[in-house]
mmCIF file of all heavy atoms, coordinates in Angstrom:
data_MODEL
# 
_entry.id   MODEL 
# 
loop_
_atom_site.group_PDB 
_atom_site.id 
_atom_site.type_symbol 
_atom_site.label_atom_id 
_atom_site.label_alt_id 
_atom_site.label_comp_id 
_atom_site.label_asym_id 
_atom_site.label_entity_id 
_atom_site.label_seq_id 
_atom_site.pdbx_PDB_ins_code 
_atom_site.Cartn_x 
_atom_site.Cartn_y 
_atom_site.Cartn_z 
_atom_site.occupancy 
_atom_site.B_iso_or_equiv 
_atom_site.pdbx_formal_charge 
_atom_site.auth_seq_id 
_atom_site.auth_comp_id 
_atom_site.auth_asym_id 
_atom_site.auth_atom_id 
_atom_site.pdbx_PDB_model_num 
ATOM 1   N N   . ASN A 1 1  ? 24.481  -53.736 -22.990 1.00 0.00 ? 1  ASN A N   1 
ATOM 2   C CA  . ASN A 1 1  ? 23.569  -54.576 -22.162 1.00 0.00 ? 1  ASN A CA  1 
ATOM 3   C C   . ASN A 1 1  ? 22.408  -53.593 -21.632 1.00 0.00 ? 1  ASN A C   1 
ATOM 4   O O   . ASN A 1 1  ? 21.277  -54.027 -21.416 1.00 0.00 ? 1  ASN A O   1 
ATOM 5   C CB  . ASN A 1 1  ? 24.383  -55.061 -20.956 1.00 0.00 ? 1  ASN A CB  1 
ATOM 6   C CG  . ASN A 1 1  ? 25.340  -56.124 -21.331 1.00 0.00 ? 1  ASN A CG  1 
ATOM 7   O OD1 . ASN A 1 1  ? 25.212  -56.799 -22.366 1.00 0.00 ? 1  ASN A OD1 1 
ATOM 8   N ND2 . ASN A 1 1  ? 26.398  -56.321 -20.547 1.00 0.00 ? 1  ASN A ND2 1 
ATOM 9   N N   . LEU A 1 2  ? 22.801  -52.313 -21.287 1.00 0.00 ? 2  LEU A N   1 
ATOM 10  C CA  . LEU A 1 2  ? 21.765  -51.419 -20.821 1.00 0.00 ? 2  LEU A CA  1 
ATOM 11  C C   . LEU A 1 2  ? 20.793  -51.055 -21.882 1.00 0.00 ? 2  LEU A C   1 
ATOM 12  O O   . LEU A 1 2  ? 19.655  -50.729 -21.643 1.00 0.00 ? 2  LEU A O   1 
ATOM 13  C CB  . LEU A 1 2  ? 22.392  -50.136 -20.310 1.00 0.00 ? 2  LEU A CB  1 
ATOM 14  C CG  . LEU A 1 2  ? 22.611  -50.000 -18.786 1.00 0.00 ? 2  LEU A CG  1 
ATOM 15  C CD1 . LEU A 1 2  ? 23.455  -48.830 -18.480 1.00 0.00 ? 2  LEU A CD1 1 
ATOM 16  C CD2 . LEU A 1 2  ? 21.279  -49.880 -18.149 1.00 0.00 ? 2  LEU A CD2 1 
ATOM 17  N N   . ALA A 1 3  ? 21.117  -51.198 -23.214 1.00 0.00 ? 3  ALA A N   1 
ATOM 18  C CA  . ALA A 1 3  ? 20.250  -50.847 -24.283 1.00 0.00 ? 3  ALA A CA  1 
ATOM 19  C C   . ALA A 1 3  ? 19.030  -51.754 -24.274 1.00 0.00 ? 3  ALA A C   1 
ATOM 20  O O   . ALA A 1 3  ? 17.977  -51.387 -24.784 1.00 0.00 ? 3  ALA A O   1 
ATOM 21  C CB  . ALA A 1 3  ? 20.978  -50.966 -25.671 1.00 0.00 ? 3  ALA A CB  1 
ATOM 22  N N   . ALA A 1 4  ? 19.163  -53.009 -23.733 1.00 0.00 ? 4  ALA A N   1 
ATOM 23  C CA  . ALA A 1 4  ? 18.019  -53.895 -23.649 1.00 0.00 ? 4  ALA A CA  1 
ATOM 24  C C   . ALA A 1 4  ? 17.041  -53.395 -22.600 1.00 0.00 ? 4  ALA A C   1 
ATOM 25  O O   . ALA A 1 4  ? 15.801  -53.614 -22.816 1.00 0.00 ? 4  ALA A O   1 
ATOM 26  C CB  . ALA A 1 4  ? 18.573  -55.280 -23.258 1.00 0.00 ? 4  ALA A CB  1 
ATOM 27  N N   . ALA A 1 5  ? 17.527  -52.760 -21.665 1.00 0.00 ? 5  ALA A N   1 
ATOM 28  C CA  . ALA A 1 5  ? 16.630  -52.113 -20.652 1.00 0.00 ? 5  ALA A CA  1 
ATOM 29  C C   . ALA A 1 5  ? 16.046  -50.783 -21.050 1.00 0.00 ? 5  ALA A C   1 
ATOM 30  O O   . ALA A 1 5  ? 14.955  -50.399 -20.609 1.00 0.00 ? 5  ALA A O   1 
ATOM 31  C CB  . ALA A 1 5  ? 17.324  -51.976 -19.250 1.00 0.00 ? 5  ALA A CB  1 
ATOM 32  N N   . TYR A 1 6  ? 16.762  -50.142 -21.866 1.00 0.00 ? 6  TYR A N   1 
ATOM 33  C CA  . TYR A 1 6  ? 16.407  -48.804 -22.284 1.00 0.00 ? 6  TYR A CA  1 
ATOM 34  C C   . TYR A 1 6  ? 15.292  -48.890 -23.391 1.00 0.00 ? 6  TYR A C   1 
ATOM 35  O O   . TYR A 1 6  ? 15.362  -49.722 -24.266 1.00 0.00 ? 6  TYR A O   1 
ATOM 36  C CB  . TYR A 1 6  ? 17.556  -48.064 -22.859 1.00 0.00 ? 6  TYR A CB  1 
ATOM 37  C CG  . TYR A 1 6  ? 17.469  -46.526 -22.852 1.00 0.00 ? 6  TYR A CG  1 
ATOM 38  C CD1 . TYR A 1 6  ? 16.770  -45.858 -21.834 1.00 0.00 ? 6  TYR A CD1 1 
ATOM 39  C CD2 . TYR A 1 6  ? 18.107  -45.758 -23.859 1.00 0.00 ? 6  TYR A CD2 1 
ATOM 40  C CE1 . TYR A 1 6  ? 16.708  -44.543 -21.824 1.00 0.00 ? 6  TYR A CE1 1 
ATOM 41  C CE2 . TYR A 1 6  ? 18.075  -44.396 -23.784 1.00 0.00 ? 6  TYR A CE2 1 
ATOM 42  C CZ  . TYR A 1 6  ? 17.331  -43.767 -22.782 1.00 0.00 ? 6  TYR A CZ  1 
ATOM 43  O OH  . TYR A 1 6  ? 17.288  -42.423 -22.747 1.00 0.00 ? 6  TYR A OH  1 
ATOM 44  N N   . GLY A 1 7  ? 14.325  -47.981 -23.469 1.00 0.00 ? 7  GLY A N   1 
ATOM 45  C CA  . GLY A 1 7  ? 13.361  -47.983 -24.510 1.00 0.00 ? 7  GLY A CA  1 
ATOM 46  C C   . GLY A 1 7  ? 11.952  -48.282 -23.961 1.00 0.00 ? 7  GLY A C   1 
ATOM 47  O O   . GLY A 1 7  ? 11.006  -47.612 -24.398 1.00 0.00 ? 7  GLY A O   1 
ATOM 48  N N   . ILE A 1 8  ? 11.845  -49.307 -23.111 1.00 0.00 ? 8  ILE A N   1 
ATOM 49  C CA  . ILE A 1 8  ? 10.471  -49.735 -22.763 1.00 0.00 ? 8  ILE A CA  1 
ATOM 50  C C   . ILE A 1 8  ? 9.799   -48.693 -21.895 1.00 0.00 ? 8  ILE A C   1 
ATOM 51  O O   . ILE A 1 8  ? 8.603   -48.460 -22.017 1.00 0.00 ? 8  ILE A O   1 
ATOM 52  C CB  . ILE A 1 8  ? 10.571  -51.074 -22.096 1.00 0.00 ? 8  ILE A CB  1 
ATOM 53  C CG1 . ILE A 1 8  ? 9.170   -51.660 -22.038 1.00 0.00 ? 8  ILE A CG1 1 
ATOM 54  C CG2 . ILE A 1 8  ? 11.094  -50.945 -20.695 1.00 0.00 ? 8  ILE A CG2 1 
ATOM 55  C CD1 . ILE A 1 8  ? 9.059   -53.142 -21.708 1.00 0.00 ? 8  ILE A CD1 1 
ATOM 56  N N   . ALA A 1 9  ? 10.568  -48.011 -21.003 1.00 0.00 ? 9  ALA A N   1 
ATOM 57  C CA  . ALA A 1 9  ? 9.963   -46.898 -20.246 1.00 0.00 ? 9  ALA A CA  1 
ATOM 58  C C   . ALA A 1 9  ? 9.600   -45.736 -21.150 1.00 0.00 ? 9  ALA A C   1 
ATOM 59  O O   . ALA A 1 9  ? 8.462   -45.159 -20.957 1.00 0.00 ? 9  ALA A O   1 
ATOM 60  C CB  . ALA A 1 9  ? 10.888  -46.437 -19.153 1.00 0.00 ? 9  ALA A CB  1 
ATOM 61  N N   . VAL A 1 10 ? 10.426  -45.428 -22.103 1.00 0.00 ? 10 VAL A N   1 
ATOM 62  C CA  . VAL A 1 10 ? 10.201  -44.304 -23.019 1.00 0.00 ? 10 VAL A CA  1 
ATOM 63  C C   . VAL A 1 10 ? 8.977   -44.593 -23.950 1.00 0.00 ? 10 VAL A C   1 
ATOM 64  O O   . VAL A 1 10 ? 8.072   -43.722 -23.988 1.00 0.00 ? 10 VAL A O   1 
ATOM 65  C CB  . VAL A 1 10 ? 11.386  -43.963 -23.905 1.00 0.00 ? 10 VAL A CB  1 
ATOM 66  C CG1 . VAL A 1 10 ? 11.100  -42.877 -24.843 1.00 0.00 ? 10 VAL A CG1 1 
ATOM 67  C CG2 . VAL A 1 10 ? 12.534  -43.573 -22.940 1.00 0.00 ? 10 VAL A CG2 1 
ATOM 68  N N   . THR A 1 11 ? 8.947   -45.736 -24.515 1.00 0.00 ? 11 THR A N   1 
ATOM 69  C CA  . THR A 1 11 ? 7.869   -46.119 -25.402 1.00 0.00 ? 11 THR A CA  1 
ATOM 70  C C   . THR A 1 11 ? 6.527   -46.230 -24.713 1.00 0.00 ? 11 THR A C   1 
ATOM 71  O O   . THR A 1 11 ? 5.461   -45.876 -25.133 1.00 0.00 ? 11 THR A O   1 
ATOM 72  C CB  . THR A 1 11 ? 8.122   -47.389 -26.140 1.00 0.00 ? 11 THR A CB  1 
ATOM 73  O OG1 . THR A 1 11 ? 8.514   -48.427 -25.255 1.00 0.00 ? 11 THR A OG1 1 
ATOM 74  C CG2 . THR A 1 11 ? 9.341   -47.176 -27.097 1.00 0.00 ? 11 THR A CG2 1 
ATOM 75  N N   . GLY A 1 12 ? 6.617   -46.733 -23.436 1.00 0.00 ? 12 GLY A N   1 
ATOM 76  C CA  . GLY A 1 12 ? 5.399   -46.821 -22.601 1.00 0.00 ? 12 GLY A CA  1 
ATOM 77  C C   . GLY A 1 12 ? 4.839   -45.388 -22.362 1.00 0.00 ? 12 GLY A C   1 
ATOM 78  O O   . GLY A 1 12 ? 3.620   -45.200 -22.405 1.00 0.00 ? 12 GLY A O   1 
ATOM 79  N N   . ALA A 1 13 ? 5.717   -44.488 -21.980 1.00 0.00 ? 13 ALA A N   1 
ATOM 80  C CA  . ALA A 1 13 ? 5.301   -43.134 -21.688 1.00 0.00 ? 13 ALA A CA  1 
ATOM 81  C C   . ALA A 1 13 ? 4.813   -42.465 -22.973 1.00 0.00 ? 13 ALA A C   1 
ATOM 82  O O   . ALA A 1 13 ? 3.749   -41.665 -22.958 1.00 0.00 ? 13 ALA A O   1 
ATOM 83  C CB  . ALA A 1 13 ? 6.448   -42.347 -21.093 1.00 0.00 ? 13 ALA A CB  1 
ATOM 84  N N   . MET A 1 14 ? 5.418   -42.744 -24.057 1.00 0.00 ? 14 MET A N   1 
ATOM 85  C CA  . MET A 1 14 ? 4.863   -42.139 -25.357 1.00 0.00 ? 14 MET A CA  1 
ATOM 86  C C   . MET A 1 14 ? 3.542   -42.591 -25.755 1.00 0.00 ? 14 MET A C   1 
ATOM 87  O O   . MET A 1 14 ? 2.661   -41.894 -26.195 1.00 0.00 ? 14 MET A O   1 
ATOM 88  C CB  . MET A 1 14 ? 5.945   -42.493 -26.454 1.00 0.00 ? 14 MET A CB  1 
ATOM 89  C CG  . MET A 1 14 ? 7.239   -41.733 -26.505 1.00 0.00 ? 14 MET A CG  1 
ATOM 90  S SD  . MET A 1 14 ? 8.260   -42.190 -27.821 1.00 0.00 ? 14 MET A SD  1 
ATOM 91  C CE  . MET A 1 14 ? 9.615   -41.084 -27.524 1.00 0.00 ? 14 MET A CE  1 
ATOM 92  N N   . PHE A 1 15 ? 3.308   -43.975 -25.443 1.00 0.00 ? 15 PHE A N   1 
ATOM 93  C CA  . PHE A 1 15 ? 1.939   -44.621 -25.784 1.00 0.00 ? 15 PHE A CA  1 
ATOM 94  C C   . PHE A 1 15 ? 0.882   -43.878 -24.851 1.00 0.00 ? 15 PHE A C   1 
ATOM 95  O O   . PHE A 1 15 ? -0.173  -43.549 -25.376 1.00 0.00 ? 15 PHE A O   1 
ATOM 96  C CB  . PHE A 1 15 ? 2.038   -46.100 -25.525 1.00 0.00 ? 15 PHE A CB  1 
ATOM 97  C CG  . PHE A 1 15 ? 0.713   -46.721 -25.657 1.00 0.00 ? 15 PHE A CG  1 
ATOM 98  C CD1 . PHE A 1 15 ? 0.062   -46.819 -26.805 1.00 0.00 ? 15 PHE A CD1 1 
ATOM 99  C CD2 . PHE A 1 15 ? 0.148   -47.376 -24.475 1.00 0.00 ? 15 PHE A CD2 1 
ATOM 100 C CE1 . PHE A 1 15 ? -1.134  -47.499 -26.857 1.00 0.00 ? 15 PHE A CE1 1 
ATOM 101 C CE2 . PHE A 1 15 ? -1.061  -48.033 -24.558 1.00 0.00 ? 15 PHE A CE2 1 
ATOM 102 C CZ  . PHE A 1 15 ? -1.770  -48.085 -25.805 1.00 0.00 ? 15 PHE A CZ  1 
ATOM 103 N N   . ILE A 1 16 ? 1.272   -43.673 -23.546 1.00 0.00 ? 16 ILE A N   1 
ATOM 104 C CA  . ILE A 1 16 ? 0.316   -43.049 -22.679 1.00 0.00 ? 16 ILE A CA  1 
ATOM 105 C C   . ILE A 1 16 ? 0.035   -41.614 -22.991 1.00 0.00 ? 16 ILE A C   1 
ATOM 106 O O   . ILE A 1 16 ? -1.145  -41.103 -23.041 1.00 0.00 ? 16 ILE A O   1 
ATOM 107 C CB  . ILE A 1 16 ? 0.724   -43.120 -21.203 1.00 0.00 ? 16 ILE A CB  1 
ATOM 108 C CG1 . ILE A 1 16 ? 0.810   -44.654 -20.740 1.00 0.00 ? 16 ILE A CG1 1 
ATOM 109 C CG2 . ILE A 1 16 ? -0.076  -42.281 -20.243 1.00 0.00 ? 16 ILE A CG2 1 
ATOM 110 C CD1 . ILE A 1 16 ? 1.492   -44.879 -19.466 1.00 0.00 ? 16 ILE A CD1 1 
ATOM 111 N N   . ASP A 1 17 ? 1.068   -40.903 -23.513 1.00 0.00 ? 17 ASP A N   1 
ATOM 112 C CA  . ASP A 1 17 ? 0.856   -39.495 -23.982 1.00 0.00 ? 17 ASP A CA  1 
ATOM 113 C C   . ASP A 1 17 ? -0.126  -39.509 -25.139 1.00 0.00 ? 17 ASP A C   1 
ATOM 114 O O   . ASP A 1 17 ? -0.926  -38.493 -25.299 1.00 0.00 ? 17 ASP A O   1 
ATOM 115 C CB  . ASP A 1 17 ? 2.264   -38.954 -24.423 1.00 0.00 ? 17 ASP A CB  1 
ATOM 116 C CG  . ASP A 1 17 ? 3.129   -38.438 -23.257 1.00 0.00 ? 17 ASP A CG  1 
ATOM 117 O OD1 . ASP A 1 17 ? 2.553   -38.389 -22.197 1.00 0.00 ? 17 ASP A OD1 1 
ATOM 118 O OD2 . ASP A 1 17 ? 4.297   -38.333 -23.488 1.00 0.00 ? 17 ASP A OD2 1 
ATOM 119 N N   . THR A 1 18 ? -0.077  -40.491 -26.042 1.00 0.00 ? 18 THR A N   1 
ATOM 120 C CA  . THR A 1 18 ? -1.023  -40.470 -27.158 1.00 0.00 ? 18 THR A CA  1 
ATOM 121 C C   . THR A 1 18 ? -2.457  -40.765 -26.672 1.00 0.00 ? 18 THR A C   1 
ATOM 122 O O   . THR A 1 18 ? -3.318  -40.102 -27.143 1.00 0.00 ? 18 THR A O   1 
ATOM 123 C CB  . THR A 1 18 ? -0.605  -41.608 -28.151 1.00 0.00 ? 18 THR A CB  1 
ATOM 124 O OG1 . THR A 1 18 ? 0.675   -41.433 -28.673 1.00 0.00 ? 18 THR A OG1 1 
ATOM 125 C CG2 . THR A 1 18 ? -1.620  -41.762 -29.322 1.00 0.00 ? 18 THR A CG2 1 
ATOM 126 N N   . LEU A 1 19 ? -2.637  -41.583 -25.735 1.00 0.00 ? 19 LEU A N   1 
ATOM 127 C CA  . LEU A 1 19 ? -3.985  -41.766 -25.158 1.00 0.00 ? 19 LEU A CA  1 
ATOM 128 C C   . LEU A 1 19 ? -4.522  -40.466 -24.434 1.00 0.00 ? 19 LEU A C   1 
ATOM 129 O O   . LEU A 1 19 ? -5.695  -40.066 -24.593 1.00 0.00 ? 19 LEU A O   1 
ATOM 130 C CB  . LEU A 1 19 ? -3.962  -42.917 -24.089 1.00 0.00 ? 19 LEU A CB  1 
ATOM 131 C CG  . LEU A 1 19 ? -3.580  -44.381 -24.652 1.00 0.00 ? 19 LEU A CG  1 
ATOM 132 C CD1 . LEU A 1 19 ? -3.667  -45.352 -23.520 1.00 0.00 ? 19 LEU A CD1 1 
ATOM 133 C CD2 . LEU A 1 19 ? -4.601  -44.672 -25.762 1.00 0.00 ? 19 LEU A CD2 1 
ATOM 134 N N   . LEU A 1 20 ? -3.600  -39.742 -23.770 1.00 0.00 ? 20 LEU A N   1 
ATOM 135 C CA  . LEU A 1 20 ? -4.007  -38.520 -23.131 1.00 0.00 ? 20 LEU A CA  1 
ATOM 136 C C   . LEU A 1 20 ? -4.361  -37.513 -24.142 1.00 0.00 ? 20 LEU A C   1 
ATOM 137 O O   . LEU A 1 20 ? -5.234  -36.636 -24.085 1.00 0.00 ? 20 LEU A O   1 
ATOM 138 C CB  . LEU A 1 20 ? -2.986  -38.046 -22.142 1.00 0.00 ? 20 LEU A CB  1 
ATOM 139 C CG  . LEU A 1 20 ? -2.604  -38.917 -20.929 1.00 0.00 ? 20 LEU A CG  1 
ATOM 140 C CD1 . LEU A 1 20 ? -1.380  -38.309 -20.171 1.00 0.00 ? 20 LEU A CD1 1 
ATOM 141 C CD2 . LEU A 1 20 ? -3.831  -39.068 -20.077 1.00 0.00 ? 20 LEU A CD2 1 
ATOM 142 N N   . LEU A 1 21 ? -3.496  -37.486 -25.252 1.00 0.00 ? 21 LEU A N   1 
ATOM 143 C CA  . LEU A 1 21 ? -3.742  -36.561 -26.350 1.00 0.00 ? 21 LEU A CA  1 
ATOM 144 C C   . LEU A 1 21 ? -5.073  -36.785 -27.055 1.00 0.00 ? 21 LEU A C   1 
ATOM 145 O O   . LEU A 1 21 ? -5.824  -35.879 -27.406 1.00 0.00 ? 21 LEU A O   1 
ATOM 146 C CB  . LEU A 1 21 ? -2.592  -36.683 -27.420 1.00 0.00 ? 21 LEU A CB  1 
ATOM 147 C CG  . LEU A 1 21 ? -2.788  -35.931 -28.664 1.00 0.00 ? 21 LEU A CG  1 
ATOM 148 C CD1 . LEU A 1 21 ? -2.741  -34.340 -28.367 1.00 0.00 ? 21 LEU A CD1 1 
ATOM 149 C CD2 . LEU A 1 21 ? -1.869  -36.239 -29.750 1.00 0.00 ? 21 LEU A CD2 1 
ATOM 150 N N   . ALA A 1 22 ? -5.466  -38.139 -27.153 1.00 0.00 ? 22 ALA A N   1 
ATOM 151 C CA  . ALA A 1 22 ? -6.773  -38.438 -27.659 1.00 0.00 ? 22 ALA A CA  1 
ATOM 152 C C   . ALA A 1 22 ? -7.843  -37.792 -26.878 1.00 0.00 ? 22 ALA A C   1 
ATOM 153 O O   . ALA A 1 22 ? -8.906  -37.329 -27.473 1.00 0.00 ? 22 ALA A O   1 
ATOM 154 C CB  . ALA A 1 22 ? -6.897  -39.966 -27.853 1.00 0.00 ? 22 ALA A CB  1 
ATOM 155 N N   . ALA A 1 23 ? -7.751  -37.889 -25.529 1.00 0.00 ? 23 ALA A N   1 
ATOM 156 C CA  . ALA A 1 23 ? -8.712  -37.258 -24.657 1.00 0.00 ? 23 ALA A CA  1 
ATOM 157 C C   . ALA A 1 23 ? -8.772  -35.762 -24.963 1.00 0.00 ? 23 ALA A C   1 
ATOM 158 O O   . ALA A 1 23 ? -9.927  -35.220 -24.963 1.00 0.00 ? 23 ALA A O   1 
ATOM 159 C CB  . ALA A 1 23 ? -8.495  -37.510 -23.221 1.00 0.00 ? 23 ALA A CB  1 
ATOM 160 N N   . VAL A 1 24 ? -7.741  -35.158 -25.150 1.00 0.00 ? 24 VAL A N   1 
ATOM 161 C CA  . VAL A 1 24 ? -7.617  -33.722 -25.393 1.00 0.00 ? 24 VAL A CA  1 
ATOM 162 C C   . VAL A 1 24 ? -8.310  -33.385 -26.756 1.00 0.00 ? 24 VAL A C   1 
ATOM 163 O O   . VAL A 1 24 ? -9.140  -32.421 -26.828 1.00 0.00 ? 24 VAL A O   1 
ATOM 164 C CB  . VAL A 1 24 ? -6.204  -33.127 -25.426 1.00 0.00 ? 24 VAL A CB  1 
ATOM 165 C CG1 . VAL A 1 24 ? -6.111  -31.745 -25.838 1.00 0.00 ? 24 VAL A CG1 1 
ATOM 166 C CG2 . VAL A 1 24 ? -5.583  -33.226 -24.001 1.00 0.00 ? 24 VAL A CG2 1 
ATOM 167 N N   . LEU A 1 25 ? -8.010  -34.142 -27.803 1.00 0.00 ? 25 LEU A N   1 
ATOM 168 C CA  . LEU A 1 25 ? -8.529  -33.863 -29.133 1.00 0.00 ? 25 LEU A CA  1 
ATOM 169 C C   . LEU A 1 25 ? -10.055 -34.033 -29.163 1.00 0.00 ? 25 LEU A C   1 
ATOM 170 O O   . LEU A 1 25 ? -10.737 -33.155 -29.755 1.00 0.00 ? 25 LEU A O   1 
ATOM 171 C CB  . LEU A 1 25 ? -7.830  -34.715 -30.145 1.00 0.00 ? 25 LEU A CB  1 
ATOM 172 C CG  . LEU A 1 25 ? -6.424  -34.539 -30.471 1.00 0.00 ? 25 LEU A CG  1 
ATOM 173 C CD1 . LEU A 1 25 ? -5.815  -35.622 -31.369 1.00 0.00 ? 25 LEU A CD1 1 
ATOM 174 C CD2 . LEU A 1 25 ? -6.110  -33.170 -30.836 1.00 0.00 ? 25 LEU A CD2 1 
ATOM 175 N N   . PHE A 1 26 ? -10.455 -35.081 -28.556 1.00 0.00 ? 26 PHE A N   1 
ATOM 176 C CA  . PHE A 1 26 ? -11.944 -35.423 -28.684 1.00 0.00 ? 26 PHE A CA  1 
ATOM 177 C C   . PHE A 1 26 ? -12.761 -34.637 -27.680 1.00 0.00 ? 26 PHE A C   1 
ATOM 178 O O   . PHE A 1 26 ? -13.852 -34.123 -28.000 1.00 0.00 ? 26 PHE A O   1 
ATOM 179 C CB  . PHE A 1 26 ? -12.128 -36.868 -28.516 1.00 0.00 ? 26 PHE A CB  1 
ATOM 180 C CG  . PHE A 1 26 ? -11.671 -37.622 -29.719 1.00 0.00 ? 26 PHE A CG  1 
ATOM 181 C CD1 . PHE A 1 26 ? -10.640 -38.609 -29.628 1.00 0.00 ? 26 PHE A CD1 1 
ATOM 182 C CD2 . PHE A 1 26 ? -12.338 -37.701 -30.940 1.00 0.00 ? 26 PHE A CD2 1 
ATOM 183 C CE1 . PHE A 1 26 ? -10.215 -39.358 -30.619 1.00 0.00 ? 26 PHE A CE1 1 
ATOM 184 C CE2 . PHE A 1 26 ? -11.939 -38.314 -32.064 1.00 0.00 ? 26 PHE A CE2 1 
ATOM 185 C CZ  . PHE A 1 26 ? -10.844 -39.186 -31.984 1.00 0.00 ? 26 PHE A CZ  1 
ATOM 186 N N   . SER A 1 27 ? -12.344 -34.565 -26.448 1.00 0.00 ? 27 SER A N   1 
ATOM 187 C CA  . SER A 1 27 ? -13.194 -34.061 -25.371 1.00 0.00 ? 27 SER A CA  1 
ATOM 188 C C   . SER A 1 27 ? -12.988 -32.552 -25.070 1.00 0.00 ? 27 SER A C   1 
ATOM 189 O O   . SER A 1 27 ? -13.875 -31.907 -24.599 1.00 0.00 ? 27 SER A O   1 
ATOM 190 C CB  . SER A 1 27 ? -12.987 -34.814 -24.136 1.00 0.00 ? 27 SER A CB  1 
ATOM 191 O OG  . SER A 1 27 ? -13.345 -36.184 -24.323 1.00 0.00 ? 27 SER A OG  1 
ATOM 192 N N   . LEU A 1 28 ? -11.749 -32.107 -25.225 1.00 0.00 ? 28 LEU A N   1 
ATOM 193 C CA  . LEU A 1 28 ? -11.429 -30.700 -24.856 1.00 0.00 ? 28 LEU A CA  1 
ATOM 194 C C   . LEU A 1 28 ? -11.425 -29.724 -26.021 1.00 0.00 ? 28 LEU A C   1 
ATOM 195 O O   . LEU A 1 28 ? -12.082 -28.762 -26.004 1.00 0.00 ? 28 LEU A O   1 
ATOM 196 C CB  . LEU A 1 28 ? -10.068 -30.635 -24.106 1.00 0.00 ? 28 LEU A CB  1 
ATOM 197 C CG  . LEU A 1 28 ? -9.904  -31.478 -22.804 1.00 0.00 ? 28 LEU A CG  1 
ATOM 198 C CD1 . LEU A 1 28 ? -8.688  -31.119 -22.125 1.00 0.00 ? 28 LEU A CD1 1 
ATOM 199 C CD2 . LEU A 1 28 ? -11.153 -31.140 -21.910 1.00 0.00 ? 28 LEU A CD2 1 
ATOM 200 N N   . TRP A 1 29 ? -10.785 -30.219 -27.141 1.00 0.00 ? 29 TRP A N   1 
ATOM 201 C CA  . TRP A 1 29 ? -10.783 -29.338 -28.366 1.00 0.00 ? 29 TRP A CA  1 
ATOM 202 C C   . TRP A 1 29 ? -11.872 -29.590 -29.222 1.00 0.00 ? 29 TRP A C   1 
ATOM 203 O O   . TRP A 1 29 ? -12.138 -28.869 -30.187 1.00 0.00 ? 29 TRP A O   1 
ATOM 204 C CB  . TRP A 1 29 ? -9.371  -29.706 -29.138 1.00 0.00 ? 29 TRP A CB  1 
ATOM 205 C CG  . TRP A 1 29 ? -8.195  -29.168 -28.310 1.00 0.00 ? 29 TRP A CG  1 
ATOM 206 C CD1 . TRP A 1 29 ? -8.158  -28.410 -27.181 1.00 0.00 ? 29 TRP A CD1 1 
ATOM 207 C CD2 . TRP A 1 29 ? -6.897  -29.393 -28.758 1.00 0.00 ? 29 TRP A CD2 1 
ATOM 208 N NE1 . TRP A 1 29 ? -6.840  -28.209 -26.806 1.00 0.00 ? 29 TRP A NE1 1 
ATOM 209 C CE2 . TRP A 1 29 ? -5.966  -28.771 -27.784 1.00 0.00 ? 29 TRP A CE2 1 
ATOM 210 C CE3 . TRP A 1 29 ? -6.271  -30.052 -29.876 1.00 0.00 ? 29 TRP A CE3 1 
ATOM 211 C CZ2 . TRP A 1 29 ? -4.575  -28.786 -27.872 1.00 0.00 ? 29 TRP A CZ2 1 
ATOM 212 C CZ3 . TRP A 1 29 ? -4.868  -30.051 -29.984 1.00 0.00 ? 29 TRP A CZ3 1 
ATOM 213 C CH2 . TRP A 1 29 ? -4.067  -29.379 -28.945 1.00 0.00 ? 29 TRP A CH2 1 
# 
C-alpha cells in the first residue's frame, strides 16, 4: 500500500534536479 505513495516525491525531486542541472550546463559551464 505504501508503494503507491512512494516514488512521486523521488521522481519530482529528480525532475527538478534535471532542471537545475540544465541551468548549470548552459549558464555556468
